[in-house]
Amino acid sequence: MFDWSTVVWRKSSFSDAGGNCVEVASCGDVRGLRDGKLGKSGPVLVLDASGFGAFLNAVRAGRFDR
């Protein structure tokens, strides 16, 4: 298990001031995603490069829109 507390997390430029944001970190060929409101105490979704690409494509296609 990787210690995600040692990486640099980046916040989406689309985040709002209320803390509704997704943060992304890279470590080698994997990416971690977390809820910015929860920070270190929250879970991390870990995806390999192809999984992360598929996730981004799904977001761009609106598959997670309500």
N, C-alpha and C. Protein backbone atom coordinates (compact mmCIF):
# COMPACT_ATOMS: atom_id res chain seq x y z
N MET A 1 0.85 -1.19 0.00
CA MET A 1 0.00 0.00 0.00
C MET A 1 0.89 1.24 0.00
N PHE A 2 0.59 2.18 -0.87
CA PHE A 2 1.38 3.40 -0.99
C PHE A 2 0.92 4.44 0.02
N ASP A 3 1.85 5.20 0.55
CA ASP A 3 1.54 6.29 1.49
C ASP A 3 1.27 7.56 0.70
N TRP A 4 0.00 7.87 0.49
CA TRP A 4 -0.39 9.03 -0.33
C TRP A 4 -0.14 10.36 0.38
N SER A 5 0.26 10.34 1.64
CA SER A 5 0.53 11.60 2.34
C SER A 5 1.86 12.21 1.90
N THR A 6 2.66 11.47 1.15
CA THR A 6 3.98 11.96 0.74
C THR A 6 3.99 12.60 -0.65
N VAL A 7 2.86 12.61 -1.34
CA VAL A 7 2.82 13.17 -2.70
C VAL A 7 2.22 14.57 -2.70
N VAL A 8 2.42 15.27 -3.79
CA VAL A 8 1.84 16.61 -3.96
C VAL A 8 0.48 16.45 -4.62
N TRP A 9 -0.55 16.98 -3.96
CA TRP A 9 -1.91 16.92 -4.49
C TRP A 9 -2.22 18.21 -5.23
N ARG A 10 -2.87 18.09 -6.39
CA ARG A 10 -3.27 19.26 -7.18
C ARG A 10 -4.79 19.37 -7.17
N LYS A 11 -5.26 20.59 -7.05
CA LYS A 11 -6.70 20.84 -7.03
C LYS A 11 -7.16 21.27 -8.42
N SER A 12 -8.33 20.82 -8.80
CA SER A 12 -8.89 21.19 -10.09
C SER A 12 -9.07 22.69 -10.20
N SER A 13 -8.80 23.24 -11.37
CA SER A 13 -9.01 24.67 -11.60
C SER A 13 -10.50 25.00 -11.65
N PHE A 14 -11.35 24.00 -11.72
CA PHE A 14 -12.80 24.21 -11.74
C PHE A 14 -13.41 24.15 -10.34
N SER A 15 -12.58 24.01 -9.32
CA SER A 15 -13.07 23.93 -7.94
C SER A 15 -13.69 25.25 -7.52
N ASP A 16 -14.68 25.16 -6.64
CA ASP A 16 -15.29 26.40 -6.15
C ASP A 16 -14.72 26.75 -4.78
N ALA A 17 -15.02 27.94 -4.31
CA ALA A 17 -14.48 28.44 -3.04
C ALA A 17 -15.06 27.70 -1.84
N GLY A 18 -16.16 26.98 -2.02
CA GLY A 18 -16.80 26.26 -0.93
C GLY A 18 -16.14 24.94 -0.59
N GLY A 19 -15.07 24.61 -1.27
CA GLY A 19 -14.36 23.37 -0.97
C GLY A 19 -14.83 22.17 -1.77
N ASN A 20 -15.72 22.40 -2.72
CA ASN A 20 -16.18 21.30 -3.57
C ASN A 20 -15.14 21.07 -4.66
N CYS A 21 -14.22 20.15 -4.40
CA CYS A 21 -13.16 19.94 -5.37
C CYS A 21 -12.68 18.50 -5.34
N VAL A 22 -12.04 18.15 -6.42
CA VAL A 22 -11.37 16.87 -6.55
C VAL A 22 -9.89 17.16 -6.64
N GLU A 23 -9.10 16.40 -5.90
CA GLU A 23 -7.65 16.56 -5.95
C GLU A 23 -7.04 15.33 -6.60
N VAL A 24 -5.95 15.54 -7.35
CA VAL A 24 -5.28 14.47 -8.07
C VAL A 24 -3.80 14.47 -7.70
N ALA A 25 -3.25 13.28 -7.55
CA ALA A 25 -1.81 13.13 -7.31
C ALA A 25 -1.29 12.00 -8.20
N SER A 26 -0.03 12.11 -8.58
CA SER A 26 0.61 11.08 -9.41
C SER A 26 1.75 10.44 -8.64
N CYS A 27 1.88 9.15 -8.83
CA CYS A 27 3.01 8.43 -8.27
C CYS A 27 3.37 7.33 -9.26
N GLY A 28 4.43 7.57 -10.01
CA GLY A 28 4.79 6.61 -11.05
C GLY A 28 3.70 6.52 -12.09
N ASP A 29 3.22 5.31 -12.33
CA ASP A 29 2.19 5.11 -13.35
C ASP A 29 0.78 5.02 -12.78
N VAL A 30 0.59 5.42 -11.53
CA VAL A 30 -0.75 5.43 -10.95
C VAL A 30 -1.15 6.84 -10.55
N ARG A 31 -2.46 7.06 -10.50
CA ARG A 31 -3.01 8.35 -10.10
C ARG A 31 -3.92 8.12 -8.91
N GLY A 32 -3.92 9.08 -8.00
CA GLY A 32 -4.83 9.05 -6.87
C GLY A 32 -5.81 10.20 -6.97
N LEU A 33 -7.06 9.93 -6.66
CA LEU A 33 -8.12 10.95 -6.65
C LEU A 33 -8.72 10.97 -5.25
N ARG A 34 -8.98 12.18 -4.74
CA ARG A 34 -9.62 12.28 -3.43
C ARG A 34 -10.50 13.51 -3.38
N ASP A 35 -11.40 13.51 -2.41
CA ASP A 35 -12.29 14.64 -2.15
C ASP A 35 -11.50 15.68 -1.37
N GLY A 36 -11.38 16.88 -1.91
CA GLY A 36 -10.60 17.93 -1.26
C GLY A 36 -11.11 18.33 0.11
N LYS A 37 -12.41 18.18 0.34
CA LYS A 37 -12.97 18.53 1.66
C LYS A 37 -12.46 17.60 2.75
N LEU A 38 -12.22 16.35 2.40
CA LEU A 38 -11.79 15.36 3.38
C LEU A 38 -10.28 15.34 3.57
N GLY A 39 -9.55 15.74 2.53
CA GLY A 39 -8.10 15.80 2.61
C GLY A 39 -7.48 14.48 3.03
N LYS A 40 -6.51 14.56 3.92
CA LYS A 40 -5.75 13.38 4.34
C LYS A 40 -6.61 12.31 5.01
N SER A 41 -7.73 12.72 5.60
CA SER A 41 -8.55 11.75 6.33
C SER A 41 -9.47 10.94 5.42
N GLY A 42 -9.60 11.36 4.17
CA GLY A 42 -10.51 10.68 3.25
C GLY A 42 -9.85 9.57 2.47
N PRO A 43 -10.67 8.75 1.83
CA PRO A 43 -10.14 7.66 1.00
C PRO A 43 -9.54 8.19 -0.30
N VAL A 44 -8.69 7.38 -0.90
CA VAL A 44 -8.06 7.71 -2.18
C VAL A 44 -8.47 6.65 -3.19
N LEU A 45 -9.02 7.09 -4.32
CA LEU A 45 -9.32 6.20 -5.42
C LEU A 45 -8.05 6.10 -6.26
N VAL A 46 -7.51 4.90 -6.41
CA VAL A 46 -6.25 4.69 -7.12
C VAL A 46 -6.54 4.04 -8.47
N LEU A 47 -6.03 4.67 -9.54
CA LEU A 47 -6.24 4.18 -10.90
C LEU A 47 -4.91 4.12 -11.64
N ASP A 48 -4.75 3.10 -12.49
CA ASP A 48 -3.58 3.09 -13.35
C ASP A 48 -3.81 4.08 -14.50
N ALA A 49 -2.82 4.25 -15.35
CA ALA A 49 -2.90 5.27 -16.40
C ALA A 49 -4.10 5.06 -17.32
N SER A 50 -4.36 3.82 -17.72
CA SER A 50 -5.49 3.59 -18.63
C SER A 50 -6.82 3.79 -17.92
N GLY A 51 -6.90 3.39 -16.66
CA GLY A 51 -8.12 3.61 -15.89
C GLY A 51 -8.40 5.08 -15.66
N PHE A 52 -7.34 5.85 -15.41
CA PHE A 52 -7.49 7.29 -15.21
C PHE A 52 -7.96 7.95 -16.51
N GLY A 53 -7.38 7.53 -17.63
CA GLY A 53 -7.81 8.06 -18.92
C GLY A 53 -9.26 7.75 -19.21
N ALA A 54 -9.69 6.53 -18.90
CA ALA A 54 -11.09 6.15 -19.10
C ALA A 54 -12.01 6.97 -18.20
N PHE A 55 -11.57 7.20 -16.96
CA PHE A 55 -12.35 8.02 -16.03
C PHE A 55 -12.50 9.44 -16.56
N LEU A 56 -11.41 10.04 -17.02
CA LEU A 56 -11.48 11.41 -17.57
C LEU A 56 -12.39 11.47 -18.79
N ASN A 57 -12.31 10.47 -19.66
CA ASN A 57 -13.19 10.44 -20.84
C ASN A 57 -14.65 10.36 -20.43
N ALA A 58 -14.95 9.58 -19.40
CA ALA A 58 -16.33 9.46 -18.92
C ALA A 58 -16.82 10.78 -18.33
N VAL A 59 -15.94 11.47 -17.60
CA VAL A 59 -16.30 12.78 -17.04
C VAL A 59 -16.59 13.76 -18.17
N ARG A 60 -15.71 13.81 -19.15
CA ARG A 60 -15.88 14.73 -20.28
C ARG A 60 -17.15 14.43 -21.07
N ALA A 61 -17.54 13.15 -21.12
CA ALA A 61 -18.73 12.75 -21.86
C ALA A 61 -20.01 12.99 -21.06
N GLY A 62 -19.87 13.42 -19.81
CA GLY A 62 -21.04 13.72 -18.99
C GLY A 62 -21.68 12.51 -18.34
N ARG A 63 -20.97 11.40 -18.26
CA ARG A 63 -21.56 10.18 -17.72
C ARG A 63 -21.84 10.24 -16.22
N PHE A 64 -21.28 11.23 -15.54
CA PHE A 64 -21.51 11.36 -14.10
C PHE A 64 -22.41 12.55 -13.78
N ASP A 65 -22.89 13.24 -14.81
CA ASP A 65 -23.78 14.38 -14.59
C ASP A 65 -25.11 13.89 -14.04
N ARG A 66 -25.71 14.69 -13.22
CA ARG A 66 -27.02 14.32 -12.66
C ARG A 66 -28.12 14.68 -13.60
